[in-house]
Amino acid sequence: MSYRDVLLINPPLGITSDIYEHIGLGYIAACLRKRNINVEIINIPEQGWTVSRAVKEVKNIPCRVIGVSIPFQEGAKRAFNFITGLKKAGVDAHISIGGIFPTYAYEEIINMFPAVDSVVLGEGEETFAELAEKIISGHDWHDIKGLAYLENNTIIRNDFRPLIEDLDSIPFPARDTLPESLRRVNAATMTTSRGCYGRCSFCSVTPFFSSFGPKYRVRSSQNVMDELDILYHEYDVRNIAFNDAIFIGGKGSGYNRAREIAEEILKRNMDLHFYIHCRPNDVDEELFGLLREAGLRKVFLGVESGSQTMLDRFQKDITVEENLRALETLSKFDIFVALGMITFDDRITFTELNENLMFLQQAKKIMPKNRLNFNVLGKLLPLAGTEVERYMKETRRYRGNSIKYTYSIDDPKINLLYNTANTLGNLFWKVKRALNMTIDYDRVWMKS
């Protein structure tokens, strides 16, 4: 194997879904190459390797620095098993991890996993590039802003690094793994913004960005179209999954930017289908009619609940009526909806549960057949850095650690109902998958 200065790795996660390119690692790779650093991206889920196979493959590539992305807690245990396995196999490269989850749980991670040499806190482009540059050149790296690490049995957390003010200044992400993603899922990913203007108590996105600067930033419509042009003309991409936490970004400037992007797609005669995430209160009939004409075919709609008391508890700043109006608008344009739904939380009552089930029945009546997907057993997750996590720890509901946590629903009858239904539901879906009776909702929006 030839030498690499840096390996950027999407670790084995054990999550069975379509494998898209890792856009975050693509951005970091582009920033490293701007500094003439030799880097390779390894998307392990794309390769289908087990943890042991991944360790075997990576240890044979000589390098100085390894960066591992662990955005969220889902699958994190396998990621840490992989990192630990690398060190046990004799890999002496500096291993640094980053993501929303490590940013908040760095102390716990450093204590639990000594194979981790450093943790990047916040955005990774500038911090990781500076880390790699100093390690490769043999200079001391311990004073870099935005890093946490262990020194003399003491966890050191350096000063935070401010967010990048102008997202247009970041080079377009490296697309090393895009050809394989196109072969597997026939779609490319893009991000046109970072953060969210909401304040949902269960979401880690807003607190992550607001800890270091503005909680919501956007790229200009021109910058977005420049990247889209490259994907369309140089890679023949016809399906785009926009991975923004929220694509629209609210009334006013957010609507205007979304409109500009849609108008440019139409002006340039791009034959595209695309997928976005948005809040229900961002669904405007005129705007979404234009987006549909430009190629919008799927929306992840974060309604979260059909109970107003639960919506208020989640700090959604939205009403059940607004949720239903959004569905009615999307149904008019035959747009597929993936419904973000938290049916159960720790404080749910039978009244709230009934309201959620009634809401889902209404949603099914509103949406055309095979144009709605949701998980009726969605349960609140106390993600690292969220208000929900803080509350559950303060009230001693939270059990375990950030790698493996659990909690019980306060009402014992609902808790039993959920656990029973969840067990049966998992069994039901395994049978359906085994019999090939499931609908491929991940691809229903795509151009063939």
Protein backbone atom coordinates (compact mmCIF):
# COMPACT_ATOMS: atom_id res chain seq x y z
CA MET A 1 0.00 0.00 0.00
CA SER A 2 1.26 3.49 -0.83
CA TYR A 3 1.80 6.08 1.90
CA ARG A 4 -0.87 8.67 2.75
CA ASP A 5 -0.40 11.70 4.98
CA VAL A 6 -3.99 11.39 6.19
CA LEU A 7 -6.77 8.81 6.10
CA LEU A 8 -10.31 10.12 6.57
CA ILE A 9 -12.60 7.29 7.61
CA ASN A 10 -16.33 6.77 7.78
CA PRO A 11 -16.25 3.86 10.28
CA PRO A 12 -18.29 0.66 10.35
CA LEU A 13 -21.63 1.64 11.87
CA GLY A 14 -23.72 -1.49 11.54
CA ILE A 15 -26.66 0.54 10.18
CA THR A 16 -28.43 -1.16 7.30
CA SER A 17 -29.42 1.52 4.80
CA ASP A 18 -28.34 2.86 1.47
CA ILE A 19 -24.76 4.10 1.57
CA TYR A 20 -24.30 7.67 0.42
CA GLU A 21 -20.98 9.49 0.23
CA HIS A 22 -19.83 11.15 3.47
CA ILE A 23 -20.09 14.82 2.60
CA GLY A 24 -18.41 16.00 5.85
CA LEU A 25 -15.26 14.01 5.11
CA GLY A 26 -15.38 15.36 1.57
CA TYR A 27 -15.20 18.92 2.88
CA ILE A 28 -12.27 18.12 5.18
CA ALA A 29 -10.42 16.32 2.37
CA ALA A 30 -10.83 19.37 0.13
CA CYS A 31 -9.41 21.64 2.84
CA LEU A 32 -6.44 19.28 3.37
CA ARG A 33 -5.66 19.18 -0.35
CA LYS A 34 -5.74 22.96 -0.42
CA ARG A 35 -2.75 22.72 1.96
CA ASN A 36 -1.07 20.11 -0.30
CA ILE A 37 -1.71 17.28 2.17
CA ASN A 38 -2.02 13.80 0.67
CA VAL A 39 -5.36 12.36 1.82
CA GLU A 40 -7.55 9.35 1.10
CA ILE A 41 -11.22 8.91 2.05
CA ILE A 42 -12.28 5.42 3.12
CA ASN A 43 -16.04 4.87 3.34
CA ILE A 44 -16.16 1.57 5.23
CA PRO A 45 -19.97 1.11 5.12
CA GLU A 46 -19.71 1.49 1.35
CA GLN A 47 -17.16 -1.32 1.31
CA GLY A 48 -19.35 -3.52 3.50
CA TRP A 49 -16.44 -4.46 5.76
CA THR A 50 -16.87 -5.88 9.25
CA VAL A 51 -14.94 -4.24 12.09
CA SER A 52 -12.20 -6.88 11.93
CA ARG A 53 -11.93 -6.61 8.14
CA ALA A 54 -11.80 -2.81 8.37
CA VAL A 55 -8.95 -2.98 10.90
CA LYS A 56 -7.04 -5.37 8.67
CA GLU A 57 -7.44 -3.18 5.59
CA VAL A 58 -6.65 0.16 7.22
CA LYS A 59 -3.60 -1.01 9.17
CA ASN A 60 -1.90 -1.86 5.87
CA ILE A 61 -2.04 1.76 4.69
CA PRO A 62 0.90 3.70 6.20
CA CYS A 63 -0.12 7.20 7.29
CA ARG A 64 0.55 9.87 9.93
CA VAL A 65 -2.97 10.94 10.88
CA ILE A 66 -6.34 9.18 10.87
CA GLY A 67 -9.56 11.18 11.15
CA VAL A 68 -12.74 9.28 12.04
CA SER A 69 -16.21 10.80 11.76
CA ILE A 70 -18.74 9.87 14.45
CA PRO A 71 -21.58 12.39 14.01
CA PHE A 72 -24.15 10.77 16.30
CA GLN A 73 -24.44 8.02 18.89
CA GLU A 74 -26.13 5.54 16.57
CA GLY A 75 -23.50 2.98 15.69
CA ALA A 76 -20.82 4.67 17.80
CA LYS A 77 -19.93 1.49 19.69
CA ARG A 78 -18.79 -0.22 16.49
CA ALA A 79 -16.82 2.88 15.54
CA PHE A 80 -14.93 2.80 18.83
CA ASN A 81 -14.36 -0.94 18.49
CA PHE A 82 -12.76 -0.19 15.13
CA ILE A 83 -10.52 2.57 16.57
CA THR A 84 -9.48 0.38 19.51
CA GLY A 85 -8.76 -2.45 17.08
CA LEU A 86 -6.46 -0.22 15.03
CA LYS A 87 -4.31 0.58 18.05
CA LYS A 88 -4.22 -3.05 19.15
CA ALA A 89 -3.12 -3.99 15.63
CA GLY A 90 -0.11 -1.71 15.96
CA VAL A 91 -1.28 1.38 14.09
CA ASP A 92 0.79 4.27 15.47
CA ALA A 93 -0.87 7.11 13.53
CA HIS A 94 -2.51 9.91 15.52
CA ILE A 95 -6.26 9.09 15.65
CA SER A 96 -8.62 12.06 15.94
CA ILE A 97 -12.40 11.88 15.98
CA GLY A 98 -15.03 14.53 15.34
CA GLY A 99 -18.75 15.16 15.07
CA ILE A 100 -21.66 16.51 17.08
CA PHE A 101 -21.64 13.59 19.50
CA PRO A 102 -17.88 13.67 20.33
CA THR A 103 -18.03 17.44 20.76
CA TYR A 104 -20.40 17.03 23.71
CA ALA A 105 -19.18 13.70 25.08
CA TYR A 106 -15.41 14.22 24.67
CA GLU A 107 -14.62 13.74 28.37
CA GLU A 108 -16.52 10.46 28.57
CA ILE A 109 -15.03 9.27 25.27
CA ILE A 110 -11.44 10.10 26.23
CA ASN A 111 -11.86 8.29 29.55
CA MET A 112 -13.49 5.23 27.98
CA PHE A 113 -11.37 4.89 24.83
CA PRO A 114 -7.64 5.58 25.28
CA ALA A 115 -7.05 4.74 21.60
CA VAL A 116 -8.50 8.18 20.76
CA ASP A 117 -5.61 10.65 20.66
CA SER A 118 -7.67 13.83 20.20
CA VAL A 119 -11.23 15.05 19.71
CA VAL A 120 -12.13 17.87 17.32
CA LEU A 121 -14.74 20.14 18.92
CA GLY A 122 -17.13 21.91 16.55
CA GLU A 123 -16.55 22.28 12.82
CA GLY A 124 -13.63 20.22 11.62
CA GLU A 125 -12.27 21.85 8.46
CA GLU A 126 -9.80 24.31 9.99
CA THR A 127 -9.04 22.46 13.24
CA PHE A 128 -8.30 19.09 11.63
CA ALA A 129 -6.30 20.64 8.79
CA GLU A 130 -4.10 22.49 11.30
CA LEU A 131 -3.72 19.30 13.36
CA ALA A 132 -2.66 17.25 10.34
CA GLU A 133 -0.27 19.92 9.12
CA LYS A 134 1.52 20.15 12.47
CA ILE A 135 1.78 16.39 12.99
CA ILE A 136 3.10 15.82 9.46
CA SER A 137 5.69 18.59 9.84
CA GLY A 138 6.73 17.37 13.30
CA HIS A 139 5.53 20.47 15.18
CA ASP A 140 3.71 20.47 18.51
CA TRP A 141 -0.05 20.36 18.07
CA HIS A 142 -1.29 20.63 21.65
CA ASP A 143 -2.17 24.34 21.50
CA ILE A 144 -4.55 24.07 18.53
CA LYS A 145 -7.92 25.73 19.10
CA GLY A 146 -10.88 23.38 19.03
CA LEU A 147 -9.11 20.28 20.36
CA ALA A 148 -9.51 18.10 23.44
CA TYR A 149 -7.02 15.41 24.49
CA LEU A 150 -5.49 13.59 27.45
CA GLU A 151 -2.19 14.78 28.90
CA ASN A 152 -0.64 13.46 32.11
CA ASN A 153 -3.93 11.80 33.07
CA THR A 154 -5.73 15.14 32.75
CA ILE A 155 -8.26 15.97 30.03
CA ILE A 156 -7.30 19.22 28.31
CA ARG A 157 -9.87 21.22 26.38
CA ASN A 158 -8.38 24.08 24.39
CA ASP A 159 -10.24 27.27 23.56
CA PHE A 160 -13.09 26.85 21.11
CA ARG A 161 -12.53 27.76 17.48
CA PRO A 162 -15.14 30.15 16.02
CA LEU A 163 -17.32 28.92 13.18
CA ILE A 164 -16.37 29.70 9.60
CA GLU A 165 -18.20 32.95 8.88
CA ASP A 166 -18.55 32.63 5.10
CA LEU A 167 -19.62 29.17 3.96
CA ASP A 168 -18.96 30.19 0.35
CA SER A 169 -15.26 30.41 1.24
CA ILE A 170 -15.01 26.66 1.90
CA PRO A 171 -13.85 24.65 -1.12
CA PHE A 172 -16.39 22.29 -2.63
CA PRO A 173 -16.16 18.81 -1.07
CA ALA A 174 -13.90 16.18 -2.58
CA ARG A 175 -16.01 13.63 -4.44
CA ASP A 176 -13.68 10.64 -4.22
CA THR A 177 -16.42 8.18 -3.26
CA LEU A 178 -19.21 9.66 -5.39
CA PRO A 179 -18.82 7.24 -8.33
CA GLU A 180 -19.39 4.28 -6.01
CA SER A 181 -22.36 6.02 -4.36
CA LEU A 182 -23.88 6.70 -7.76
CA ARG A 183 -23.46 3.04 -8.64
CA ARG A 184 -25.11 1.95 -5.40
CA VAL A 185 -27.82 4.55 -4.75
CA ASN A 186 -27.86 6.73 -7.89
CA ALA A 187 -27.70 9.98 -5.90
CA ALA A 188 -25.25 12.60 -4.69
CA THR A 189 -25.46 14.55 -1.45
CA MET A 190 -25.11 18.30 -0.91
CA THR A 191 -25.37 20.68 2.03
CA THR A 192 -26.38 24.28 1.38
CA SER A 193 -26.49 25.43 5.01
CA ARG A 194 -25.32 24.56 8.51
CA GLY A 195 -27.44 24.56 11.64
CA CYS A 196 -31.10 25.39 12.20
CA TYR A 197 -33.10 28.38 13.38
CA GLY A 198 -35.31 26.20 15.61
CA ARG A 199 -34.86 25.43 19.31
CA CYS A 200 -36.21 21.85 19.59
CA SER A 201 -35.29 20.33 22.94
CA PHE A 202 -34.45 16.92 21.45
CA CYS A 203 -32.16 18.13 18.63
CA SER A 204 -28.38 18.43 18.93
CA VAL A 205 -27.87 20.50 15.75
CA THR A 206 -28.81 23.92 17.10
CA PRO A 207 -26.85 23.68 20.38
CA PHE A 208 -23.85 22.32 18.46
CA PHE A 209 -23.53 25.33 16.19
CA SER A 210 -24.73 27.95 18.68
CA SER A 211 -21.95 26.87 21.07
CA PHE A 212 -19.38 28.24 18.62
CA GLY A 213 -21.21 31.03 16.78
CA PRO A 214 -24.41 31.63 14.77
CA LYS A 215 -26.83 28.74 15.02
CA TYR A 216 -27.75 28.99 11.34
CA ARG A 217 -25.66 29.94 8.28
CA VAL A 218 -26.30 29.50 4.57
CA ARG A 219 -24.39 29.35 1.33
CA SER A 220 -25.41 31.79 -1.38
CA SER A 221 -27.68 30.49 -4.12
CA GLN A 222 -24.92 31.20 -6.68
CA ASN A 223 -22.39 29.12 -4.73
CA VAL A 224 -24.90 26.27 -4.46
CA MET A 225 -25.57 26.37 -8.20
CA ASP A 226 -21.85 26.38 -9.02
CA GLU A 227 -21.47 23.08 -7.16
CA LEU A 228 -24.66 21.69 -8.63
CA ASP A 229 -23.35 22.47 -12.13
CA ILE A 230 -20.25 20.36 -11.45
CA LEU A 231 -22.30 17.42 -10.20
CA TYR A 232 -24.73 17.65 -13.12
CA HIS A 233 -22.28 18.11 -15.98
CA GLU A 234 -19.10 16.38 -14.76
CA TYR A 235 -20.61 13.45 -12.83
CA ASP A 236 -23.97 13.12 -14.66
CA VAL A 237 -25.84 13.35 -11.34
CA ARG A 238 -29.61 13.52 -11.67
CA ASN A 239 -30.65 12.88 -8.04
CA ILE A 240 -29.61 15.18 -5.19
CA ALA A 241 -30.18 14.54 -1.48
CA PHE A 242 -29.83 17.89 0.27
CA ASN A 243 -28.67 17.02 3.78
CA ASP A 244 -29.32 20.39 5.39
CA ALA A 245 -31.07 20.17 8.76
CA ILE A 246 -33.46 22.69 7.19
CA PHE A 247 -33.28 23.61 3.51
CA ILE A 248 -35.75 26.50 3.45
CA GLY A 249 -34.52 28.44 6.47
CA GLY A 250 -37.66 30.40 7.31
CA LYS A 251 -39.63 33.22 5.74
CA GLY A 252 -37.86 36.18 4.18
CA SER A 253 -34.27 35.52 3.15
CA GLY A 254 -34.71 31.75 3.53
CA TYR A 255 -37.67 31.66 1.14
CA ASN A 256 -35.86 33.96 -1.29
CA ARG A 257 -32.75 31.76 -1.39
CA ALA A 258 -34.80 28.61 -1.95
CA ARG A 259 -36.71 30.38 -4.72
CA GLU A 260 -33.49 31.53 -6.38
CA ILE A 261 -32.12 27.96 -6.39
CA ALA A 262 -35.35 26.59 -7.88
CA GLU A 263 -35.48 29.31 -10.54
CA GLU A 264 -31.85 28.70 -11.52
CA ILE A 265 -32.42 24.95 -11.84
CA LEU A 266 -35.31 25.68 -14.21
CA LYS A 267 -33.38 28.38 -16.09
CA ARG A 268 -30.49 25.98 -16.72
CA ASN A 269 -32.88 23.20 -17.83
CA MET A 270 -31.50 20.75 -15.27
CA ASP A 271 -33.42 17.49 -15.32
CA LEU A 272 -33.20 16.80 -11.59
CA HIS A 273 -35.03 15.14 -8.74
CA PHE A 274 -34.12 16.24 -5.23
CA TYR A 275 -34.92 15.65 -1.56
CA ILE A 276 -34.91 18.17 1.31
CA HIS A 277 -35.50 18.41 5.07
CA CYS A 278 -37.76 21.16 6.39
CA ARG A 279 -40.02 22.32 9.20
CA PRO A 280 -43.80 22.27 8.61
CA ASN A 281 -44.06 26.05 9.06
CA ASP A 282 -41.68 26.47 6.09
CA VAL A 283 -44.08 24.73 3.71
CA ASP A 284 -45.50 27.54 1.56
CA GLU A 285 -47.79 26.61 -1.35
CA GLU A 286 -46.34 29.05 -3.87
CA LEU A 287 -42.72 28.25 -3.00
CA PHE A 288 -43.24 24.48 -2.97
CA GLY A 289 -45.06 24.62 -6.27
CA LEU A 290 -41.93 26.19 -7.75
CA LEU A 291 -39.66 23.69 -5.99
CA ARG A 292 -41.80 20.82 -7.32
CA GLU A 293 -41.43 22.18 -10.85
CA ALA A 294 -37.64 22.36 -10.33
CA GLY A 295 -37.49 18.71 -9.23
CA LEU A 296 -38.49 18.41 -5.57
CA ARG A 297 -39.85 14.90 -5.04
CA LYS A 298 -39.33 14.09 -1.37
CA VAL A 299 -39.48 16.02 1.91
CA PHE A 300 -38.42 14.90 5.36
CA LEU A 301 -40.99 16.79 7.40
CA GLY A 302 -40.22 17.24 11.09
CA VAL A 303 -43.72 17.28 12.56
CA GLU A 304 -42.60 15.24 15.64
CA SER A 305 -46.05 14.97 17.24
CA GLY A 306 -49.79 15.28 16.75
CA SER A 307 -50.25 16.34 20.37
CA GLN A 308 -50.00 20.05 21.15
CA THR A 309 -48.80 19.42 24.70
CA MET A 310 -45.98 17.26 23.37
CA LEU A 311 -45.09 19.83 20.69
CA ASP A 312 -44.87 22.46 23.42
CA ARG A 313 -42.75 20.15 25.56
CA PHE A 314 -40.41 19.65 22.58
CA GLN A 315 -40.17 23.45 22.07
CA LYS A 316 -41.22 23.02 18.43
CA ASP A 317 -42.88 26.47 18.29
CA ILE A 318 -45.52 25.06 15.97
CA THR A 319 -49.12 23.84 16.14
CA VAL A 320 -50.82 20.60 15.16
CA GLU A 321 -52.86 22.59 12.64
CA GLU A 322 -49.67 23.84 10.96
CA ASN A 323 -48.44 20.26 10.72
CA LEU A 324 -51.65 19.20 8.97
CA ARG A 325 -51.61 22.21 6.62
CA ALA A 326 -48.07 21.33 5.55
CA LEU A 327 -49.17 17.79 4.69
CA GLU A 328 -52.13 19.11 2.72
CA THR A 329 -49.85 21.39 0.69
CA LEU A 330 -47.34 18.64 -0.04
CA SER A 331 -50.14 16.25 -1.04
CA LYS A 332 -51.29 18.73 -3.71
CA PHE A 333 -47.93 18.44 -5.44
CA ASP A 334 -47.64 14.64 -5.09
CA ILE A 335 -44.45 15.02 -3.02
CA PHE A 336 -43.35 11.97 -1.04
CA VAL A 337 -43.20 12.71 2.71
CA ALA A 338 -40.97 11.01 5.26
CA LEU A 339 -42.59 12.01 8.52
CA GLY A 340 -40.31 12.78 11.46
CA MET A 341 -42.40 11.45 14.35
CA ILE A 342 -41.68 11.11 18.07
CA THR A 343 -44.74 9.16 19.18
CA PHE A 344 -43.36 8.28 22.62
CA ASP A 345 -41.36 10.23 25.19
CA ASP A 346 -40.70 9.71 28.88
CA ARG A 347 -43.66 11.82 30.03
CA ILE A 348 -46.30 10.75 27.52
CA THR A 349 -49.87 10.22 28.73
CA PHE A 350 -52.60 8.05 27.22
CA THR A 351 -54.33 11.22 26.03
CA GLU A 352 -51.19 12.32 24.17
CA LEU A 353 -50.66 8.85 22.74
CA ASN A 354 -54.22 8.83 21.42
CA GLU A 355 -53.70 12.29 19.89
CA ASN A 356 -50.58 11.04 18.10
CA LEU A 357 -52.38 7.99 16.70
CA MET A 358 -55.33 10.12 15.55
CA PHE A 359 -52.91 12.54 13.88
CA LEU A 360 -51.24 9.71 11.97
CA GLN A 361 -54.64 8.51 10.79
CA GLN A 362 -55.38 12.03 9.52
CA ALA A 363 -51.99 12.18 7.82
CA LYS A 364 -52.68 8.91 5.98
CA LYS A 365 -56.02 10.28 4.75
CA ILE A 366 -54.40 13.50 3.53
CA MET A 367 -51.50 11.97 1.63
CA PRO A 368 -51.90 9.93 -1.57
CA LYS A 369 -51.24 6.20 -1.40
CA ASN A 370 -47.54 5.29 -1.08
CA ARG A 371 -46.59 8.93 -0.56
CA LEU A 372 -46.16 8.80 3.22
CA ASN A 373 -43.70 6.94 5.43
CA PHE A 374 -43.36 7.08 9.22
CA ASN A 375 -42.37 5.03 12.23
CA VAL A 376 -45.33 4.76 14.56
CA LEU A 377 -42.98 3.60 17.33
CA GLY A 378 -40.61 6.55 17.16
CA LYS A 379 -39.23 7.22 20.66
CA LEU A 380 -37.51 10.33 22.01
CA LEU A 381 -33.70 10.02 22.07
CA PRO A 382 -31.70 11.91 24.72
CA LEU A 383 -28.91 12.85 22.31
CA ALA A 384 -25.66 14.31 23.63
CA GLY A 385 -25.78 18.06 24.08
CA THR A 386 -29.56 18.39 24.01
CA GLU A 387 -31.95 19.89 26.52
CA VAL A 388 -33.64 16.48 26.72
CA GLU A 389 -30.38 14.80 27.75
CA ARG A 390 -29.74 17.44 30.41
CA TYR A 391 -33.28 17.08 31.79
CA MET A 392 -33.16 13.29 31.90
CA LYS A 393 -29.83 13.29 33.70
CA GLU A 394 -31.01 15.88 36.22
CA THR A 395 -34.18 13.91 36.94
CA ARG A 396 -32.24 10.61 36.99
CA ARG A 397 -34.29 9.12 34.16
CA TYR A 398 -31.15 8.62 32.05
CA ARG A 399 -29.42 5.28 32.58
CA GLY A 400 -26.13 4.09 31.15
CA ASN A 401 -23.65 6.20 29.21
CA SER A 402 -23.65 8.07 25.92
CA ILE A 403 -22.60 4.94 24.03
CA LYS A 404 -25.39 2.82 25.44
CA TYR A 405 -28.23 4.61 27.20
CA THR A 406 -31.83 3.89 28.05
CA TYR A 407 -34.78 5.31 29.97
CA SER A 408 -38.26 4.20 30.96
CA ILE A 409 -41.57 5.87 30.20
CA ASP A 410 -43.05 7.28 33.40
CA ASP A 411 -46.43 5.58 32.97
CA PRO A 412 -45.70 1.85 33.53
CA LYS A 413 -48.63 0.75 31.35
CA ILE A 414 -47.44 2.83 28.39
CA ASN A 415 -43.88 1.65 29.01
CA LEU A 416 -45.03 -1.98 28.79
CA LEU A 417 -47.12 -1.18 25.71
CA TYR A 418 -44.16 0.44 23.95
CA ASN A 419 -41.69 -2.33 24.78
CA THR A 420 -44.11 -5.03 23.61
CA ALA A 421 -45.03 -3.19 20.42
CA ASN A 422 -41.39 -2.41 19.65
CA THR A 423 -40.36 -6.05 20.01
CA LEU A 424 -43.21 -7.23 17.78
CA GLY A 425 -42.59 -4.41 15.31
CA ASN A 426 -38.93 -5.34 14.90
CA LEU A 427 -39.91 -8.96 14.31
CA PHE A 428 -42.58 -7.93 11.80
CA TRP A 429 -40.12 -5.85 9.73
CA LYS A 430 -37.51 -8.61 9.76
CA VAL A 431 -40.08 -10.97 8.31
CA LYS A 432 -41.17 -8.43 5.67
CA ARG A 433 -37.56 -7.79 4.65
CA ALA A 434 -36.86 -11.52 4.48
CA LEU A 435 -39.87 -11.96 2.18
CA ASN A 436 -38.92 -8.88 0.14
CA MET A 437 -42.25 -7.21 0.96
CA THR A 438 -40.92 -3.78 1.92
CA ILE A 439 -41.22 -0.60 -0.15
CA ASP A 440 -37.90 1.06 -0.96
CA TYR A 441 -38.78 4.48 0.47
CA ASP A 442 -35.17 5.65 0.14
CA ARG A 443 -35.43 5.55 -3.66
CA VAL A 444 -39.07 6.25 -4.38
CA TRP A 445 -38.23 9.90 -5.16
CA MET A 446 -35.34 9.28 -7.54
CA LYS A 447 -35.08 9.51 -11.28
CA SER A 448 -34.24 6.12 -12.74
